[in-house]
Amino acid sequence: MANHPDYRAQAAKCRAEADAATLDNVRDQRLRAEAAWIEMAVRQERVASSRIAREAPVAIHLQTEQGIP
């Protein structure tokens, strides 16, 4: 899981580039890119939460079967 890109850092970079842009079209493009990175970050976080919720009962069951407190 550690191999996932840092989507929020990429979004922040795009925001900084948008703030520094002097051309409207460049600023708009960087803001669109920021929005896309944020969307990917939210999706990644949602998938991670779902995975934890889905796998937790299995882990508890395995621990119970093996007598691990």
PDB file of N, CA and C in Angstrom:
ATOM      1  N   MET A   1       0.804  -1.180   0.000  1.00  0.00           N
ATOM      2  CA  MET A   1       0.000   0.000   0.000  1.00  0.00           C
ATOM      3  C   MET A   1       0.862   1.266   0.000  1.00  0.00           C
ATOM      4  N   ALA A   2       2.070   1.162   0.438  1.00  0.00           N
ATOM      5  CA  ALA A   2       2.936   2.328   0.532  1.00  0.00           C
ATOM      6  C   ALA A   2       3.366   2.837  -0.837  1.00  0.00           C
ATOM      7  N   ASN A   3       3.070   2.107  -1.882  1.00  0.00           N
ATOM      8  CA  ASN A   3       3.482   2.515  -3.216  1.00  0.00           C
ATOM      9  C   ASN A   3       2.516   3.489  -3.879  1.00  0.00           C
ATOM     10  N   HIS A   4       1.419   3.816  -3.195  1.00  0.00           N
ATOM     11  CA  HIS A   4       0.461   4.745  -3.768  1.00  0.00           C
ATOM     12  C   HIS A   4       1.042   6.156  -3.801  1.00  0.00           C
ATOM     13  N   PRO A   5       0.786   6.871  -4.864  1.00  0.00           N
ATOM     14  CA  PRO A   5       1.269   8.262  -4.905  1.00  0.00           C
ATOM     15  C   PRO A   5       0.543   9.101  -3.848  1.00  0.00           C
ATOM     16  N   ASP A   6       1.177  10.165  -3.435  1.00  0.00           N
ATOM     17  CA  ASP A   6       0.583  11.078  -2.461  1.00  0.00           C
ATOM     18  C   ASP A   6      -0.282  12.068  -3.228  1.00  0.00           C
ATOM     19  N   TYR A   7      -1.552  11.706  -3.400  1.00  0.00           N
ATOM     20  CA  TYR A   7      -2.464  12.508  -4.205  1.00  0.00           C
ATOM     21  C   TYR A   7      -2.667  13.901  -3.620  1.00  0.00           C
ATOM     22  N   ARG A   8      -2.730  14.007  -2.325  1.00  0.00           N
ATOM     23  CA  ARG A   8      -2.952  15.325  -1.711  1.00  0.00           C
ATOM     24  C   ARG A   8      -1.732  16.233  -1.908  1.00  0.00           C
ATOM     25  N   ALA A   9      -0.538  15.675  -1.900  1.00  0.00           N
ATOM     26  CA  ALA A   9       0.660  16.478  -2.164  1.00  0.00           C
ATOM     27  C   ALA A   9       0.655  16.969  -3.607  1.00  0.00           C
ATOM     28  N   GLN A  10       0.224  16.112  -4.520  1.00  0.00           N
ATOM     29  CA  GLN A  10       0.129  16.525  -5.923  1.00  0.00           C
ATOM     30  C   GLN A  10      -0.901  17.643  -6.083  1.00  0.00           C
ATOM     31  N   ALA A  11      -2.017  17.531  -5.369  1.00  0.00           N
ATOM     32  CA  ALA A  11      -3.046  18.571  -5.429  1.00  0.00           C
ATOM     33  C   ALA A  11      -2.492  19.897  -4.912  1.00  0.00           C
ATOM     34  N   ALA A  12      -1.744  19.834  -3.822  1.00  0.00           N
ATOM     35  CA  ALA A  12      -1.155  21.054  -3.262  1.00  0.00           C
ATOM     36  C   ALA A  12      -0.156  21.681  -4.235  1.00  0.00           C
ATOM     37  N   LYS A  13       0.597  20.842  -4.911  1.00  0.00           N
ATOM     38  CA  LYS A  13       1.554  21.341  -5.910  1.00  0.00           C
ATOM     39  C   LYS A  13       0.812  22.051  -7.051  1.00  0.00           C
ATOM     40  N   CYS A  14      -0.282  21.448  -7.498  1.00  0.00           N
ATOM     41  CA  CYS A  14      -1.068  22.068  -8.570  1.00  0.00           C
ATOM     42  C   CYS A  14      -1.648  23.395  -8.113  1.00  0.00           C
ATOM     43  N   ARG A  15      -2.101  23.456  -6.864  1.00  0.00           N
ATOM     44  CA  ARG A  15      -2.649  24.718  -6.334  1.00  0.00           C
ATOM     45  C   ARG A  15      -1.578  25.796  -6.305  1.00  0.00           C
ATOM     46  N   ALA A  16      -0.382  25.433  -5.861  1.00  0.00           N
ATOM     47  CA  ALA A  16       0.711  26.408  -5.821  1.00  0.00           C
ATOM     48  C   ALA A  16       1.053  26.890  -7.227  1.00  0.00           C
ATOM     49  N   GLU A  17       1.056  25.976  -8.178  1.00  0.00           N
ATOM     50  CA  GLU A  17       1.338  26.359  -9.567  1.00  0.00           C
ATOM     51  C   GLU A  17       0.233  27.259 -10.110  1.00  0.00           C
ATOM     52  N   ALA A  18      -1.015  26.969  -9.736  1.00  0.00           N
ATOM     53  CA  ALA A  18      -2.131  27.812 -10.179  1.00  0.00           C
ATOM     54  C   ALA A  18      -2.011  29.210  -9.586  1.00  0.00           C
ATOM     55  N   ASP A  19      -1.649  29.272  -8.319  1.00  0.00           N
ATOM     56  CA  ASP A  19      -1.490  30.577  -7.666  1.00  0.00           C
ATOM     57  C   ASP A  19      -0.363  31.397  -8.284  1.00  0.00           C
ATOM     58  N   ALA A  20       0.654  30.719  -8.778  1.00  0.00           N
ATOM     59  CA  ALA A  20       1.802  31.409  -9.374  1.00  0.00           C
ATOM     60  C   ALA A  20       1.606  31.724 -10.858  1.00  0.00           C
ATOM     61  N   ALA A  21       0.596  31.142 -11.466  1.00  0.00           N
ATOM     62  CA  ALA A  21       0.401  31.308 -12.911  1.00  0.00           C
ATOM     63  C   ALA A  21      -0.018  32.738 -13.241  1.00  0.00           C
ATOM     64  N   THR A  22       0.528  33.221 -14.331  1.00  0.00           N
ATOM     65  CA  THR A  22       0.159  34.561 -14.796  1.00  0.00           C
ATOM     66  C   THR A  22      -0.847  34.498 -15.938  1.00  0.00           C
ATOM     67  N   LEU A  23      -0.954  33.366 -16.573  1.00  0.00           N
ATOM     68  CA  LEU A  23      -1.900  33.187 -17.671  1.00  0.00           C
ATOM     69  C   LEU A  23      -3.166  32.496 -17.163  1.00  0.00           C
ATOM     70  N   ASP A  24      -4.309  33.006 -17.570  1.00  0.00           N
ATOM     71  CA  ASP A  24      -5.587  32.442 -17.124  1.00  0.00           C
ATOM     72  C   ASP A  24      -5.732  30.969 -17.501  1.00  0.00           C
ATOM     73  N   ASN A  25      -5.348  30.632 -18.723  1.00  0.00           N
ATOM     74  CA  ASN A  25      -5.530  29.242 -19.166  1.00  0.00           C
ATOM     75  C   ASN A  25      -4.637  28.283 -18.376  1.00  0.00           C
ATOM     76  N   VAL A  26      -3.456  28.718 -18.017  1.00  0.00           N
ATOM     77  CA  VAL A  26      -2.556  27.880 -17.215  1.00  0.00           C
ATOM     78  C   VAL A  26      -3.132  27.724 -15.812  1.00  0.00           C
ATOM     79  N   ARG A  27      -3.604  28.829 -15.240  1.00  0.00           N
ATOM     80  CA  ARG A  27      -4.198  28.759 -13.907  1.00  0.00           C
ATOM     81  C   ARG A  27      -5.408  27.818 -13.907  1.00  0.00           C
ATOM     82  N   ASP A  28      -6.271  27.953 -14.893  1.00  0.00           N
ATOM     83  CA  ASP A  28      -7.450  27.096 -14.975  1.00  0.00           C
ATOM     84  C   ASP A  28      -7.076  25.626 -15.126  1.00  0.00           C
ATOM     85  N   GLN A  29      -6.075  25.359 -15.934  1.00  0.00           N
ATOM     86  CA  GLN A  29      -5.644  23.965 -16.134  1.00  0.00           C
ATOM     87  C   GLN A  29      -5.101  23.384 -14.836  1.00  0.00           C
ATOM     88  N   ARG A  30      -4.315  24.151 -14.103  1.00  0.00           N
ATOM     89  CA  ARG A  30      -3.739  23.666 -12.846  1.00  0.00           C
ATOM     90  C   ARG A  30      -4.826  23.471 -11.784  1.00  0.00           C
ATOM     91  N   LEU A  31      -5.867  24.330 -11.799  1.00  0.00           N
ATOM     92  CA  LEU A  31      -6.977  24.158 -10.862  1.00  0.00           C
ATOM     93  C   LEU A  31      -7.784  22.909 -11.203  1.00  0.00           C
ATOM     94  N   ARG A  32      -7.947  22.624 -12.488  1.00  0.00           N
ATOM     95  CA  ARG A  32      -8.627  21.387 -12.890  1.00  0.00           C
ATOM     96  C   ARG A  32      -7.806  20.179 -12.466  1.00  0.00           C
ATOM     97  N   ALA A  33      -6.491  20.283 -12.617  1.00  0.00           N
ATOM     98  CA  ALA A  33      -5.619  19.182 -12.197  1.00  0.00           C
ATOM     99  C   ALA A  33      -5.697  18.986 -10.683  1.00  0.00           C
ATOM    100  N   GLU A  34      -5.736  20.079  -9.942  1.00  0.00           N
ATOM    101  CA  GLU A  34      -5.872  19.987  -8.484  1.00  0.00           C
ATOM    102  C   GLU A  34      -7.152  19.240  -8.125  1.00  0.00           C
ATOM    103  N   ALA A  35      -8.252  19.589  -8.767  1.00  0.00           N
ATOM    104  CA  ALA A  35      -9.531  18.935  -8.487  1.00  0.00           C
ATOM    105  C   ALA A  35      -9.453  17.435  -8.787  1.00  0.00           C
ATOM    106  N   ALA A  36      -8.785  17.079  -9.868  1.00  0.00           N
ATOM    107  CA  ALA A  36      -8.645  15.662 -10.223  1.00  0.00           C
ATOM    108  C   ALA A  36      -7.822  14.918  -9.173  1.00  0.00           C
ATOM    109  N   TRP A  37      -6.728  15.525  -8.711  1.00  0.00           N
ATOM    110  CA  TRP A  37      -5.900  14.886  -7.689  1.00  0.00           C
ATOM    111  C   TRP A  37      -6.675  14.706  -6.395  1.00  0.00           C
ATOM    112  N   ILE A  38      -7.472  15.715  -6.023  1.00  0.00           N
ATOM    113  CA  ILE A  38      -8.275  15.610  -4.801  1.00  0.00           C
ATOM    114  C   ILE A  38      -9.292  14.489  -4.943  1.00  0.00           C
ATOM    115  N   GLU A  39      -9.919  14.389  -6.101  1.00  0.00           N
ATOM    116  CA  GLU A  39     -10.881  13.315  -6.346  1.00  0.00           C
ATOM    117  C   GLU A  39     -10.218  11.943  -6.207  1.00  0.00           C
ATOM    118  N   MET A  40      -9.002  11.811  -6.738  1.00  0.00           N
ATOM    119  CA  MET A  40      -8.280  10.541  -6.614  1.00  0.00           C
ATOM    120  C   MET A  40      -7.928  10.250  -5.160  1.00  0.00           C
ATOM    121  N   ALA A  41      -7.566  11.289  -4.393  1.00  0.00           N
ATOM    122  CA  ALA A  41      -7.244  11.104  -2.977  1.00  0.00           C
ATOM    123  C   ALA A  41      -8.463  10.621  -2.209  1.00  0.00           C
ATOM    124  N   VAL A  42      -9.604  11.232  -2.473  1.00  0.00           N
ATOM    125  CA  VAL A  42     -10.834  10.839  -1.800  1.00  0.00           C
ATOM    126  C   VAL A  42     -11.189   9.392  -2.145  1.00  0.00           C
ATOM    127  N   ARG A  43     -11.053   9.049  -3.411  1.00  0.00           N
ATOM    128  CA  ARG A  43     -11.344   7.680  -3.842  1.00  0.00           C
ATOM    129  C   ARG A  43     -10.407   6.691  -3.158  1.00  0.00           C
ATOM    130  N   GLN A  44      -9.118   7.022  -3.113  1.00  0.00           N
ATOM    131  CA  GLN A  44      -8.147   6.138  -2.469  1.00  0.00           C
ATOM    132  C   GLN A  44      -8.480   5.954  -0.984  1.00  0.00           C
ATOM    133  N   GLU A  45      -8.849   7.030  -0.303  1.00  0.00           N
ATOM    134  CA  GLU A  45      -9.188   6.950   1.115  1.00  0.00           C
ATOM    135  C   GLU A  45     -10.447   6.118   1.331  1.00  0.00           C
ATOM    136  N   ARG A  46     -11.419   6.274   0.441  1.00  0.00           N
ATOM    137  CA  ARG A  46     -12.664   5.506   0.547  1.00  0.00           C
ATOM    138  C   ARG A  46     -12.384   4.011   0.348  1.00  0.00           C
ATOM    139  N   VAL A  47     -11.547   3.683  -0.619  1.00  0.00           N
ATOM    140  CA  VAL A  47     -11.201   2.280  -0.871  1.00  0.00           C
ATOM    141  C   VAL A  47     -10.454   1.696   0.333  1.00  0.00           C
ATOM    142  N   ALA A  48      -9.537   2.459   0.892  1.00  0.00           N
ATOM    143  CA  ALA A  48      -8.784   1.971   2.054  1.00  0.00           C
ATOM    144  C   ALA A  48      -9.711   1.727   3.240  1.00  0.00           C
ATOM    145  N   SER A  49     -10.656   2.636   3.467  1.00  0.00           N
ATOM    146  CA  SER A  49     -11.609   2.464   4.566  1.00  0.00           C
ATOM    147  C   SER A  49     -12.492   1.244   4.339  1.00  0.00           C
ATOM    148  N   SER A  50     -12.944   1.077   3.113  1.00  0.00           N
ATOM    149  CA  SER A  50     -13.783  -0.082   2.792  1.00  0.00           C
ATOM    150  C   SER A  50     -13.016  -1.386   2.980  1.00  0.00           C
ATOM    151  N   ARG A  51     -11.751  -1.375   2.581  1.00  0.00           N
ATOM    152  CA  ARG A  51     -10.928  -2.580   2.720  1.00  0.00           C
ATOM    153  C   ARG A  51     -10.756  -2.936   4.194  1.00  0.00           C
ATOM    154  N   ILE A  52     -10.496  -1.942   5.018  1.00  0.00           N
ATOM    155  CA  ILE A  52     -10.329  -2.188   6.455  1.00  0.00           C
ATOM    156  C   ILE A  52     -11.617  -2.751   7.043  1.00  0.00           C
ATOM    157  N   ALA A  53     -12.743  -2.135   6.694  1.00  0.00           N
ATOM    158  CA  ALA A  53     -14.038  -2.600   7.218  1.00  0.00           C
ATOM    159  C   ALA A  53     -14.352  -4.009   6.743  1.00  0.00           C
ATOM    160  N   ARG A  54     -13.985  -4.319   5.517  1.00  0.00           N
ATOM    161  CA  ARG A  54     -14.272  -5.644   4.961  1.00  0.00           C
ATOM    162  C   ARG A  54     -13.362  -6.709   5.563  1.00  0.00           C
ATOM    163  N   GLU A  55     -12.101  -6.363   5.804  1.00  0.00           N
ATOM    164  CA  GLU A  55     -11.133  -7.353   6.267  1.00  0.00           C
ATOM    165  C   GLU A  55     -11.118  -7.519   7.786  1.00  0.00           C
ATOM    166  N   ALA A  56     -11.616  -6.558   8.534  1.00  0.00           N
ATOM    167  CA  ALA A  56     -11.582  -6.635   9.997  1.00  0.00           C
ATOM    168  C   ALA A  56     -12.314  -7.863  10.534  1.00  0.00           C
ATOM    169  N   PRO A  57     -13.530  -8.153  10.086  1.00  0.00           N
ATOM    170  CA  PRO A  57     -14.206  -9.356  10.611  1.00  0.00           C
ATOM    171  C   PRO A  57     -13.440 -10.648  10.296  1.00  0.00           C
ATOM    172  N   VAL A  58     -12.788 -10.698   9.159  1.00  0.00           N
ATOM    173  CA  VAL A  58     -12.016 -11.886   8.800  1.00  0.00           C
ATOM    174  C   VAL A  58     -10.829 -12.032   9.743  1.00  0.00           C
ATOM    175  N   ALA A  59     -10.154 -10.936  10.029  1.00  0.00           N
ATOM    176  CA  ALA A  59      -9.003 -10.978  10.929  1.00  0.00           C
ATOM    177  C   ALA A  59      -9.432 -11.406  12.330  1.00  0.00           C
ATOM    178  N   ILE A  60     -10.558 -10.878  12.792  1.00  0.00           N
ATOM    179  CA  ILE A  60     -11.063 -11.254  14.118  1.00  0.00           C
ATOM    180  C   ILE A  60     -11.415 -12.739  14.143  1.00  0.00           C
ATOM    181  N   HIS A  61     -12.040 -13.211  13.093  1.00  0.00           N
ATOM    182  CA  HIS A  61     -12.409 -14.633  13.010  1.00  0.00           C
ATOM    183  C   HIS A  61     -11.161 -15.514  13.039  1.00  0.00           C
ATOM    184  N   LEU A  62     -10.148 -15.140  12.285  1.00  0.00           N
ATOM    185  CA  LEU A  62      -8.919 -15.933  12.261  1.00  0.00           C
ATOM    186  C   LEU A  62      -8.238 -15.944  13.624  1.00  0.00           C
ATOM    187  N   GLN A  63      -8.231 -14.785  14.293  1.00  0.00           N
ATOM    188  CA  GLN A  63      -7.637 -14.729  15.628  1.00  0.00           C
ATOM    189  C   GLN A  63      -8.394 -15.615  16.610  1.00  0.00           C
ATOM    190  N   THR A  64      -9.720 -15.618  16.513  1.00  0.00           N
ATOM    191  CA  THR A  64     -10.552 -16.432  17.390  1.00  0.00           C
ATOM    192  C   THR A  64     -10.282 -17.916  17.154  1.00  0.00           C
ATOM    193  N   GLU A  65     -10.194 -18.295  15.888  1.00  0.00           N
ATOM    194  CA  GLU A  65      -9.925 -19.711  15.563  1.00  0.00           C
ATOM    195  C   GLU A  65      -8.564 -20.156  16.094  1.00  0.00           C
ATOM    196  N   GLN A  66      -7.589 -19.253  16.070  1.00  0.00           N
ATOM    197  CA  GLN A  66      -6.239 -19.609  16.485  1.00  0.00           C
ATOM    198  C   GLN A  66      -6.025 -19.381  17.980  1.00  0.00           C
ATOM    199  N   GLY A  67      -7.041 -18.891  18.668  1.00  0.00           N
ATOM    200  CA  GLY A  67      -6.936 -18.670  20.098  1.00  0.00           C
ATOM    201  C   GLY A  67      -6.097 -17.476  20.465  1.00  0.00           C
ATOM    202  N   ILE A  68      -5.968 -16.539  19.559  1.00  0.00           N
ATOM    203  CA  ILE A  68      -5.204 -15.321  19.830  1.00  0.00           C
ATOM    204  C   ILE A  68      -6.156 -14.297  20.459  1.00  0.00           C
ATOM    205  N   PRO A  69      -5.818 -13.776  21.641  1.00  0.00           N
ATOM    206  CA  PRO A  69      -6.710 -12.812  22.303  1.00  0.00           C
ATOM    207  C   PRO A  69      -6.775 -11.476  21.569  1.00  0.00           C
TER     208      PRO A  69
END
